[in-house]
C-alpha cells in the first residue's frame, strides 16, 4: 500500500532548511519490517495555499502499524509537529 504524509510548514523557509534532516529521518524507516520505500517530495510552488512536502511510503499493512509505533514516527511528530500549519494523511493501494 501507499502511505502519504502531506505537510505544510508554518514558516515556509523551514522547507529548504529542514528537508535534508527529514530525508535522513525517513531513511531510517527502511529498517522497519514491512516498509519498502520512503521518498520525500518537495513542492515546486511558493503559493501560500500549497503544501510544503509530501512523504510517500510504500509498505504493507503490518509495516504501517510498525511505522506508527516506531521511534522514527515519534521523532517526526515530536520534532516537526509544532512547526506544521497543517498535514494530511492518505493511504491507498
N, C-alpha and C. Protein backbone atom coordinates (compact mmCIF):
# COMPACT_ATOMS: atom_id res chain seq x y z
N UNK A 1 0.83 -1.17 0.00
CA UNK A 1 0.00 0.00 0.00
C UNK A 1 0.88 1.24 0.00
N UNK A 2 0.28 2.35 -0.33
CA UNK A 2 0.97 3.63 -0.27
C UNK A 2 0.43 4.42 0.91
N UNK A 3 1.34 5.09 1.59
CA UNK A 3 1.02 5.93 2.74
C UNK A 3 1.64 7.29 2.45
N UNK A 4 0.81 8.32 2.43
CA UNK A 4 1.27 9.68 2.15
C UNK A 4 1.07 10.55 3.37
N UNK A 5 2.10 11.34 3.67
CA UNK A 5 2.01 12.39 4.69
C UNK A 5 2.27 13.69 3.93
N UNK A 6 1.27 14.54 3.89
CA UNK A 6 1.38 15.80 3.16
C UNK A 6 1.37 16.91 4.21
N UNK A 7 2.44 17.70 4.25
CA UNK A 7 2.63 18.65 5.34
C UNK A 7 2.92 20.05 4.83
N UNK A 8 2.42 21.03 5.59
CA UNK A 8 2.66 22.44 5.28
C UNK A 8 3.30 23.09 6.50
N UNK A 9 4.51 23.63 6.32
CA UNK A 9 5.20 24.30 7.40
C UNK A 9 4.62 25.69 7.64
N UNK A 10 4.58 26.09 8.90
CA UNK A 10 4.16 27.44 9.25
C UNK A 10 5.12 28.45 8.64
N UNK A 11 6.40 28.20 8.78
CA UNK A 11 7.45 29.05 8.21
C UNK A 11 7.92 28.39 6.92
N UNK A 12 7.63 29.01 5.80
CA UNK A 12 7.96 28.41 4.51
C UNK A 12 9.46 28.18 4.34
N UNK A 13 10.29 28.94 5.04
CA UNK A 13 11.74 28.75 4.96
C UNK A 13 12.16 27.41 5.56
N UNK A 14 11.32 26.83 6.41
CA UNK A 14 11.62 25.52 7.00
C UNK A 14 11.72 24.43 5.95
N UNK A 15 11.04 24.60 4.83
CA UNK A 15 11.05 23.55 3.81
C UNK A 15 12.47 23.25 3.36
N UNK A 16 13.17 24.25 2.88
CA UNK A 16 14.55 24.03 2.41
C UNK A 16 15.50 23.72 3.55
N UNK A 17 15.31 24.38 4.67
CA UNK A 17 16.22 24.23 5.80
C UNK A 17 16.13 22.84 6.43
N UNK A 18 14.91 22.32 6.55
CA UNK A 18 14.71 21.05 7.27
C UNK A 18 14.67 19.82 6.37
N UNK A 19 14.56 20.02 5.07
CA UNK A 19 14.42 18.88 4.16
C UNK A 19 15.52 17.83 4.31
N UNK A 20 16.81 18.21 4.37
CA UNK A 20 17.85 17.16 4.49
C UNK A 20 17.69 16.31 5.75
N UNK A 21 17.35 16.92 6.89
CA UNK A 21 17.23 16.12 8.10
C UNK A 21 15.96 15.27 8.10
N UNK A 22 14.90 15.74 7.44
CA UNK A 22 13.68 14.93 7.32
C UNK A 22 13.95 13.74 6.40
N UNK A 23 14.69 13.97 5.32
CA UNK A 23 15.06 12.85 4.44
C UNK A 23 15.88 11.82 5.21
N UNK A 24 16.84 12.29 6.01
CA UNK A 24 17.65 11.37 6.82
C UNK A 24 16.78 10.59 7.80
N UNK A 25 15.84 11.28 8.43
CA UNK A 25 14.95 10.62 9.39
C UNK A 25 14.15 9.52 8.71
N UNK A 26 13.56 9.82 7.57
CA UNK A 26 12.70 8.83 6.91
C UNK A 26 13.48 7.71 6.24
N UNK A 27 14.78 7.89 6.02
CA UNK A 27 15.60 6.78 5.53
C UNK A 27 15.66 5.68 6.59
N UNK A 28 15.54 6.06 7.84
CA UNK A 28 15.55 5.07 8.93
C UNK A 28 14.32 4.17 8.89
N UNK A 29 13.25 4.60 8.22
CA UNK A 29 12.06 3.75 8.14
C UNK A 29 12.33 2.49 7.34
N UNK A 30 13.37 2.53 6.51
CA UNK A 30 13.69 1.35 5.69
C UNK A 30 14.16 0.18 6.54
N UNK A 31 14.51 0.45 7.79
CA UNK A 31 14.90 -0.61 8.72
C UNK A 31 13.69 -1.24 9.40
N UNK A 32 12.51 -0.70 9.18
CA UNK A 32 11.28 -1.21 9.78
C UNK A 32 10.72 -2.32 8.89
N UNK A 33 10.44 -3.47 9.48
CA UNK A 33 9.91 -4.59 8.72
C UNK A 33 8.59 -4.19 8.08
N UNK A 34 8.48 -4.41 6.77
CA UNK A 34 7.27 -4.10 6.03
C UNK A 34 7.30 -2.76 5.32
N UNK A 35 8.33 -1.95 5.57
CA UNK A 35 8.49 -0.68 4.85
C UNK A 35 9.44 -0.91 3.68
N UNK A 36 8.95 -0.68 2.47
CA UNK A 36 9.74 -0.91 1.27
C UNK A 36 10.47 0.33 0.79
N UNK A 37 9.84 1.51 0.91
CA UNK A 37 10.49 2.74 0.44
C UNK A 37 9.88 3.94 1.12
N UNK A 38 10.66 5.01 1.12
CA UNK A 38 10.20 6.30 1.64
C UNK A 38 10.87 7.39 0.81
N UNK A 39 10.05 8.22 0.17
CA UNK A 39 10.56 9.29 -0.69
C UNK A 39 9.92 10.59 -0.25
N UNK A 40 10.73 11.64 -0.16
CA UNK A 40 10.23 12.96 0.21
C UNK A 40 10.17 13.80 -1.07
N UNK A 41 9.00 14.34 -1.33
CA UNK A 41 8.81 15.24 -2.48
C UNK A 41 8.65 16.66 -1.94
N UNK A 42 9.45 17.58 -2.47
CA UNK A 42 9.34 18.99 -2.09
C UNK A 42 8.48 19.71 -3.12
N UNK A 43 7.59 20.53 -2.65
CA UNK A 43 6.73 21.29 -3.56
C UNK A 43 7.58 22.20 -4.44
N UNK A 44 7.16 22.34 -5.68
CA UNK A 44 7.85 23.27 -6.58
C UNK A 44 7.09 24.60 -6.67
N UNK A 45 6.14 24.80 -5.78
CA UNK A 45 5.32 26.01 -5.78
C UNK A 45 5.59 26.82 -4.51
N UNK A 46 5.56 28.13 -4.64
CA UNK A 46 5.71 29.00 -3.48
C UNK A 46 4.39 29.67 -3.10
N UNK A 47 3.31 29.23 -3.70
CA UNK A 47 2.00 29.81 -3.39
C UNK A 47 1.61 29.48 -1.95
N UNK A 48 0.96 30.45 -1.31
CA UNK A 48 0.61 30.29 0.10
C UNK A 48 -0.35 29.13 0.36
N UNK A 49 -1.16 28.77 -0.62
CA UNK A 49 -2.15 27.72 -0.39
C UNK A 49 -1.63 26.33 -0.77
N UNK A 50 -0.33 26.19 -0.94
CA UNK A 50 0.27 24.90 -1.29
C UNK A 50 0.96 24.29 -0.08
N UNK A 51 1.00 22.97 -0.06
CA UNK A 51 1.70 22.25 0.99
C UNK A 51 3.21 22.24 0.67
N UNK A 52 4.02 22.00 1.68
CA UNK A 52 5.47 22.11 1.58
C UNK A 52 6.13 20.83 1.08
N UNK A 53 5.75 19.70 1.69
CA UNK A 53 6.37 18.41 1.34
C UNK A 53 5.31 17.33 1.32
N UNK A 54 5.65 16.26 0.59
CA UNK A 54 4.83 15.06 0.59
C UNK A 54 5.77 13.88 0.82
N UNK A 55 5.49 13.12 1.84
CA UNK A 55 6.26 11.92 2.14
C UNK A 55 5.47 10.74 1.60
N UNK A 56 6.09 10.01 0.70
CA UNK A 56 5.45 8.86 0.05
C UNK A 56 6.14 7.59 0.53
N UNK A 57 5.38 6.73 1.18
CA UNK A 57 5.92 5.47 1.66
C UNK A 57 5.19 4.30 1.00
N UNK A 58 5.94 3.28 0.64
CA UNK A 58 5.37 2.02 0.18
C UNK A 58 5.62 1.01 1.29
N UNK A 59 4.53 0.41 1.75
CA UNK A 59 4.64 -0.51 2.87
C UNK A 59 3.45 -1.44 2.93
N UNK A 60 3.60 -2.47 3.74
CA UNK A 60 2.50 -3.40 3.98
C UNK A 60 1.64 -2.86 5.12
N UNK A 61 0.50 -3.46 5.36
CA UNK A 61 -0.34 -3.07 6.49
C UNK A 61 0.43 -3.24 7.80
N UNK A 62 1.17 -4.32 7.89
CA UNK A 62 1.99 -4.55 9.08
C UNK A 62 3.09 -3.49 9.19
N UNK A 63 3.63 -3.10 8.04
CA UNK A 63 4.65 -2.05 8.03
C UNK A 63 4.10 -0.72 8.50
N UNK A 64 2.85 -0.42 8.12
CA UNK A 64 2.21 0.81 8.57
C UNK A 64 2.04 0.80 10.09
N UNK A 65 1.60 -0.32 10.61
CA UNK A 65 1.43 -0.44 12.06
C UNK A 65 2.77 -0.31 12.77
N UNK A 66 3.81 -0.93 12.21
CA UNK A 66 5.14 -0.85 12.81
C UNK A 66 5.68 0.58 12.71
N UNK A 67 5.44 1.25 11.60
CA UNK A 67 5.87 2.65 11.45
C UNK A 67 5.17 3.53 12.48
N UNK A 68 3.86 3.36 12.62
CA UNK A 68 3.10 4.18 13.57
C UNK A 68 3.62 4.03 15.01
N UNK A 69 4.15 2.86 15.34
CA UNK A 69 4.65 2.60 16.68
C UNK A 69 6.16 2.86 16.81
N UNK A 70 6.80 3.28 15.74
CA UNK A 70 8.25 3.39 15.71
C UNK A 70 8.79 4.67 16.34
N UNK A 71 10.07 4.62 16.67
CA UNK A 71 10.78 5.80 17.17
C UNK A 71 10.87 6.88 16.08
N UNK A 72 10.96 6.48 14.82
CA UNK A 72 11.01 7.45 13.72
C UNK A 72 9.72 8.27 13.70
N UNK A 73 8.58 7.60 13.82
CA UNK A 73 7.30 8.30 13.81
C UNK A 73 7.20 9.24 15.01
N UNK A 74 7.64 8.77 16.18
CA UNK A 74 7.62 9.62 17.38
C UNK A 74 8.52 10.84 17.19
N UNK A 75 9.70 10.63 16.61
CA UNK A 75 10.62 11.75 16.38
C UNK A 75 10.03 12.73 15.37
N UNK A 76 9.39 12.23 14.31
CA UNK A 76 8.74 13.08 13.32
C UNK A 76 7.70 13.98 14.00
N UNK A 77 6.85 13.39 14.80
CA UNK A 77 5.80 14.15 15.46
C UNK A 77 6.36 15.12 16.50
N UNK A 78 7.33 14.66 17.30
CA UNK A 78 7.88 15.50 18.36
C UNK A 78 8.74 16.64 17.84
N UNK A 79 9.50 16.38 16.79
CA UNK A 79 10.43 17.39 16.26
C UNK A 79 9.75 18.37 15.33
N UNK A 80 8.82 17.88 14.50
CA UNK A 80 8.28 18.73 13.43
C UNK A 80 6.81 19.08 13.61
N UNK A 81 6.11 18.39 14.50
CA UNK A 81 4.67 18.62 14.66
C UNK A 81 4.30 20.06 14.94
N UNK A 82 5.02 20.71 15.83
CA UNK A 82 4.71 22.10 16.17
C UNK A 82 5.07 23.08 15.05
N UNK A 83 5.88 22.64 14.12
CA UNK A 83 6.29 23.51 13.00
C UNK A 83 5.31 23.46 11.83
N UNK A 84 4.33 22.56 11.92
CA UNK A 84 3.39 22.38 10.82
C UNK A 84 2.14 23.23 11.00
N UNK A 85 1.75 23.86 9.93
CA UNK A 85 0.47 24.57 9.90
C UNK A 85 -0.66 23.58 9.74
N UNK A 86 -0.42 22.58 8.89
CA UNK A 86 -1.41 21.53 8.69
C UNK A 86 -0.74 20.32 8.05
N UNK A 87 -1.45 19.20 8.12
CA UNK A 87 -0.98 17.99 7.46
C UNK A 87 -2.17 17.13 7.11
N UNK A 88 -1.97 16.28 6.13
CA UNK A 88 -3.00 15.32 5.72
C UNK A 88 -2.33 13.96 5.58
N UNK A 89 -3.04 12.94 5.95
CA UNK A 89 -2.57 11.56 5.82
C UNK A 89 -3.50 10.86 4.84
N UNK A 90 -2.93 10.14 3.88
CA UNK A 90 -3.73 9.47 2.87
C UNK A 90 -3.11 8.11 2.60
N UNK A 91 -3.93 7.06 2.64
CA UNK A 91 -3.49 5.70 2.34
C UNK A 91 -4.30 5.16 1.15
N UNK A 92 -3.62 4.41 0.28
CA UNK A 92 -4.32 3.79 -0.85
C UNK A 92 -3.53 2.58 -1.33
N UNK A 93 -4.16 1.82 -2.21
CA UNK A 93 -3.49 0.65 -2.80
C UNK A 93 -2.56 1.08 -3.90
